[in-house]
Amino acid sequence: MRKAAGLIGLLLFMGVGAVGALRLWNLAGSTYDAMTFPAHIASGVTPRLAASDAYRITLDYLDRAMAEAQPGTTVAPAVEAIWAVTADQAAALDGCIPVGKGSGIVWVTKGTGTYLNLWNHAWSSTAPNLGDPQGACTGPGPAGTIVIDDTTGEILGVYPYAGPAYPHPSPQLTLAPASSSPLPPVFASPAASSPGASPLAGSPSPNASGSGG
């Protein structure tokens, strides 16, 4: 158990150095403000939850994960992007998210924090699967993606991102670019993603500046 905790601490420490570069990459060409976070709603999607709910659920999870991490290895949580999409569309936002999940509405958040992936979820596991033998989708890492069920508020999947050395698989779906400001790319290698365009059709949510937490 102590050996496993030490490994988690080492991986988080290695990943923290990539956070600065990751944020610069994510923020390039995007319109962020220190007091707001972007929330985009896919065309034809009418979510039950507000963006601030997805924000709060994400931070609650990261707070619990941070409490489980070794002292000195934690990363302060920060939500950097939020989408409301259909379950099928979610796979276009991160290659770790499984395809073919139906027409239900989900929230997808990306950010930095202590993404430990300590618990199994409906869409994700704590152990690598056949499609991810290197464990790039299971972490741990100082950044990541979380998928939330809009109906129940339940977390469906957690996908830590350990840095450019462990890129997430490229998404198997491509959606129309948004007509609004560009959004951050998925956590794939830079060559496999397009930082200047959103993979998702939609418009900014009026809840984009919700506080939550």
Protein backbone atom coordinates (compact mmCIF):
# COMPACT_ATOMS: atom_id res chain seq x y z
CA MET A 1 0.00 0.00 0.00
CA ARG A 2 2.86 2.36 0.90
CA LYS A 3 4.61 1.49 -2.36
CA ALA A 4 1.47 2.27 -4.36
CA ALA A 5 1.05 5.60 -2.55
CA GLY A 6 4.66 6.47 -3.35
CA LEU A 7 4.09 5.70 -7.03
CA ILE A 8 1.03 7.95 -7.09
CA GLY A 9 3.06 10.74 -5.50
CA LEU A 10 5.88 10.32 -8.02
CA LEU A 11 3.53 10.38 -11.01
CA LEU A 12 1.75 13.47 -9.72
CA PHE A 13 5.07 15.22 -9.14
CA MET A 14 6.18 14.39 -12.69
CA GLY A 15 2.89 15.60 -14.07
CA VAL A 16 2.81 18.91 -12.20
CA GLY A 17 5.60 20.22 -14.41
CA ALA A 18 3.38 19.69 -17.44
CA VAL A 19 0.48 21.70 -16.00
CA GLY A 20 1.93 25.09 -16.93
CA ALA A 21 2.54 24.06 -20.53
CA LEU A 22 -0.88 22.37 -20.67
CA ARG A 23 -2.64 25.54 -19.53
CA LEU A 24 -0.80 27.65 -22.11
CA TRP A 25 -1.81 25.16 -24.80
CA ASN A 26 -5.42 25.05 -23.62
CA LEU A 27 -5.70 28.82 -23.32
CA ALA A 28 -4.19 29.65 -26.70
CA GLY A 29 -6.84 31.35 -28.81
CA SER A 30 -9.52 31.01 -26.12
CA THR A 31 -11.35 33.78 -24.31
CA TYR A 32 -10.89 33.07 -20.62
CA ASP A 33 -11.40 35.43 -17.73
CA ALA A 34 -9.99 34.93 -14.24
CA MET A 35 -13.51 35.10 -12.75
CA THR A 36 -15.35 32.89 -15.26
CA PHE A 37 -15.09 29.53 -16.97
CA PRO A 38 -16.44 28.61 -20.40
CA ALA A 39 -19.60 26.53 -20.63
CA HIS A 40 -20.86 25.48 -24.05
CA ILE A 41 -24.17 23.81 -24.81
CA ALA A 42 -24.39 21.59 -27.90
CA SER A 43 -27.04 22.45 -30.47
CA GLY A 44 -30.40 20.87 -29.60
CA VAL A 45 -29.35 20.01 -26.03
CA THR A 46 -31.43 21.30 -23.10
CA PRO A 47 -29.72 20.25 -19.87
CA ARG A 48 -31.49 19.96 -16.52
CA LEU A 49 -28.43 20.95 -14.49
CA ALA A 50 -26.68 24.30 -14.75
CA ALA A 51 -23.01 24.72 -15.63
CA SER A 52 -22.40 25.74 -12.02
CA ASP A 53 -23.71 22.32 -10.90
CA ALA A 54 -21.19 20.52 -13.11
CA TYR A 55 -18.52 22.87 -11.79
CA ARG A 56 -19.41 22.06 -8.16
CA ILE A 57 -19.62 18.29 -8.76
CA THR A 58 -16.20 18.33 -10.39
CA LEU A 59 -14.60 20.30 -7.56
CA ASP A 60 -16.24 18.04 -4.95
CA TYR A 61 -14.68 15.01 -6.60
CA LEU A 62 -11.25 16.65 -6.82
CA ASP A 63 -11.44 17.70 -3.17
CA ARG A 64 -12.12 14.09 -2.14
CA ALA A 65 -9.28 12.82 -4.31
CA MET A 66 -6.93 15.44 -2.88
CA ALA A 67 -7.74 14.24 0.63
CA GLU A 68 -6.58 10.75 -0.39
CA ALA A 69 -3.26 11.89 -1.89
CA GLN A 70 0.06 12.08 -0.09
CA PRO A 71 0.90 15.51 1.38
CA GLY A 72 2.97 17.56 -1.02
CA THR A 73 1.71 15.76 -4.12
CA THR A 74 -1.65 17.52 -4.52
CA VAL A 75 -2.63 20.00 -7.22
CA ALA A 76 -5.13 22.78 -6.49
CA PRO A 77 -8.37 22.08 -8.38
CA ALA A 78 -9.46 24.42 -11.17
CA VAL A 79 -12.20 23.84 -13.75
CA GLU A 80 -11.13 25.26 -17.09
CA ALA A 81 -13.85 24.20 -19.54
CA ILE A 82 -17.38 22.78 -19.42
CA TRP A 83 -19.66 21.33 -22.10
CA ALA A 84 -23.21 19.95 -22.14
CA VAL A 85 -23.58 17.39 -24.93
CA THR A 86 -25.34 14.13 -25.72
CA ALA A 87 -23.68 10.99 -24.40
CA ASP A 88 -22.75 10.05 -27.97
CA GLN A 89 -21.11 13.43 -28.58
CA ALA A 90 -19.01 13.25 -25.41
CA ALA A 91 -16.49 10.94 -27.06
CA ALA A 92 -15.50 13.79 -29.40
CA LEU A 93 -14.17 15.78 -26.43
CA ASP A 94 -11.72 13.17 -25.14
CA GLY A 95 -10.52 9.93 -26.71
CA CYS A 96 -10.75 8.17 -23.34
CA ILE A 97 -14.55 8.61 -23.27
CA PRO A 98 -16.27 5.55 -24.75
CA VAL A 99 -18.39 5.87 -27.89
CA GLY A 100 -21.97 4.80 -28.45
CA LYS A 101 -23.45 5.89 -25.13
CA GLY A 102 -26.81 7.08 -26.41
CA SER A 103 -28.81 10.30 -26.63
CA GLY A 104 -28.93 11.21 -22.93
CA ILE A 105 -27.38 14.50 -21.86
CA VAL A 106 -24.05 14.65 -20.03
CA TRP A 107 -21.69 17.35 -18.81
CA VAL A 108 -17.99 17.12 -19.64
CA THR A 109 -15.50 19.14 -17.61
CA LYS A 110 -11.77 19.61 -18.08
CA GLY A 111 -9.37 21.13 -15.61
CA THR A 112 -6.39 20.70 -13.36
CA GLY A 113 -6.26 19.12 -9.94
CA THR A 114 -5.46 15.87 -8.16
CA TYR A 115 -7.05 13.45 -10.61
CA LEU A 116 -6.45 10.11 -8.88
CA ASN A 117 -9.31 8.03 -10.33
CA LEU A 118 -9.68 6.09 -7.08
CA TRP A 119 -13.14 4.70 -7.77
CA ASN A 120 -14.73 2.73 -10.61
CA HIS A 121 -17.52 4.49 -12.51
CA ALA A 122 -20.04 3.44 -15.12
CA TRP A 123 -17.82 4.71 -17.95
CA SER A 124 -14.35 4.39 -16.45
CA SER A 125 -12.24 1.99 -14.42
CA THR A 126 -9.29 2.35 -12.07
CA ALA A 127 -7.40 -0.25 -14.14
CA PRO A 128 -6.19 0.04 -17.77
CA ASN A 129 -8.35 -1.74 -20.36
CA LEU A 130 -7.51 -3.40 -23.66
CA GLY A 131 -7.98 -0.13 -25.53
CA ASP A 132 -5.61 1.71 -23.20
CA PRO A 133 -2.81 -0.73 -22.30
CA GLN A 134 -0.48 2.07 -21.15
CA GLY A 135 -3.02 3.40 -18.68
CA ALA A 136 -3.07 6.92 -20.15
CA CYS A 137 -6.79 7.18 -19.31
CA THR A 138 -6.52 5.90 -15.75
CA GLY A 139 -3.84 8.18 -14.32
CA PRO A 140 -3.03 9.52 -11.86
CA GLY A 141 -2.37 12.99 -13.21
CA PRO A 142 -2.47 16.74 -12.48
CA ALA A 143 -5.23 17.35 -15.04
CA GLY A 144 -8.11 15.45 -16.57
CA THR A 145 -11.65 15.04 -17.86
CA ILE A 146 -14.81 14.19 -15.92
CA VAL A 147 -18.20 13.15 -17.36
CA ILE A 148 -21.37 13.82 -15.34
CA ASP A 149 -24.90 12.51 -15.91
CA ASP A 150 -27.23 15.49 -16.40
CA THR A 151 -30.24 13.57 -15.04
CA THR A 152 -28.74 12.34 -11.76
CA GLY A 153 -25.62 14.44 -11.24
CA GLU A 154 -23.68 11.16 -10.94
CA ILE A 155 -20.10 11.04 -12.20
CA LEU A 156 -19.98 8.60 -15.11
CA GLY A 157 -16.28 8.71 -15.91
CA VAL A 158 -12.97 10.13 -14.68
CA TYR A 159 -9.98 10.29 -17.05
CA PRO A 160 -6.75 11.69 -15.55
CA TYR A 161 -4.16 13.29 -17.85
CA ALA A 162 -0.53 12.75 -16.79
CA GLY A 163 1.02 15.07 -19.38
CA PRO A 164 2.21 15.05 -23.02
CA ALA A 165 4.28 11.90 -22.43
CA TYR A 166 1.02 10.01 -21.82
CA PRO A 167 -1.46 11.43 -24.38
CA HIS A 168 -5.06 10.31 -24.37
CA PRO A 169 -6.18 8.39 -27.46
CA SER A 170 -7.40 10.56 -30.31
CA PRO A 171 -11.21 10.93 -30.33
CA GLN A 172 -13.01 8.61 -32.72
CA LEU A 173 -15.65 11.26 -33.43
CA THR A 174 -15.42 14.67 -35.06
CA LEU A 175 -18.16 17.25 -34.56
CA ALA A 176 -18.75 20.52 -36.36
CA PRO A 177 -16.71 23.50 -35.10
CA ALA A 178 -18.50 25.96 -32.86
CA SER A 179 -19.34 29.36 -34.26
CA SER A 180 -18.36 31.01 -30.96
CA SER A 181 -14.90 31.46 -29.43
CA PRO A 182 -12.51 28.48 -29.73
CA LEU A 183 -12.39 25.91 -26.94
CA PRO A 184 -9.46 23.95 -25.54
CA PRO A 185 -8.43 20.81 -27.44
CA VAL A 186 -8.77 17.29 -26.13
CA PHE A 187 -5.93 15.76 -24.09
CA ALA A 188 -4.43 14.04 -27.12
CA SER A 189 -0.98 14.68 -28.51
CA PRO A 190 -0.71 18.12 -30.19
CA ALA A 191 -0.32 16.48 -33.60
CA ALA A 192 -3.56 14.58 -33.14
CA SER A 193 -5.74 17.52 -32.13
CA SER A 194 -6.55 20.99 -33.40
CA PRO A 195 -6.04 23.69 -30.72
CA GLY A 196 -7.62 26.37 -32.87
CA ALA A 197 -11.06 24.83 -33.28
CA SER A 198 -13.74 23.34 -31.10
CA PRO A 199 -14.85 19.78 -31.84
CA LEU A 200 -18.37 20.70 -30.86
CA ALA A 201 -21.24 22.68 -32.33
CA GLY A 202 -22.99 24.92 -29.84
CA SER A 203 -23.03 28.29 -28.15
CA PRO A 204 -21.87 29.69 -24.81
CA SER A 205 -24.19 28.97 -21.93
CA PRO A 206 -25.73 31.86 -19.99
CA ASN A 207 -24.55 29.95 -16.90
CA ALA A 208 -20.92 30.24 -17.96
CA SER A 209 -20.00 32.50 -15.06
CA GLY A 210 -21.65 30.36 -12.38
CA SER A 211 -19.63 30.02 -9.22
CA GLY A 212 -20.46 26.73 -7.47
CA GLY A 213 -17.94 24.95 -5.29
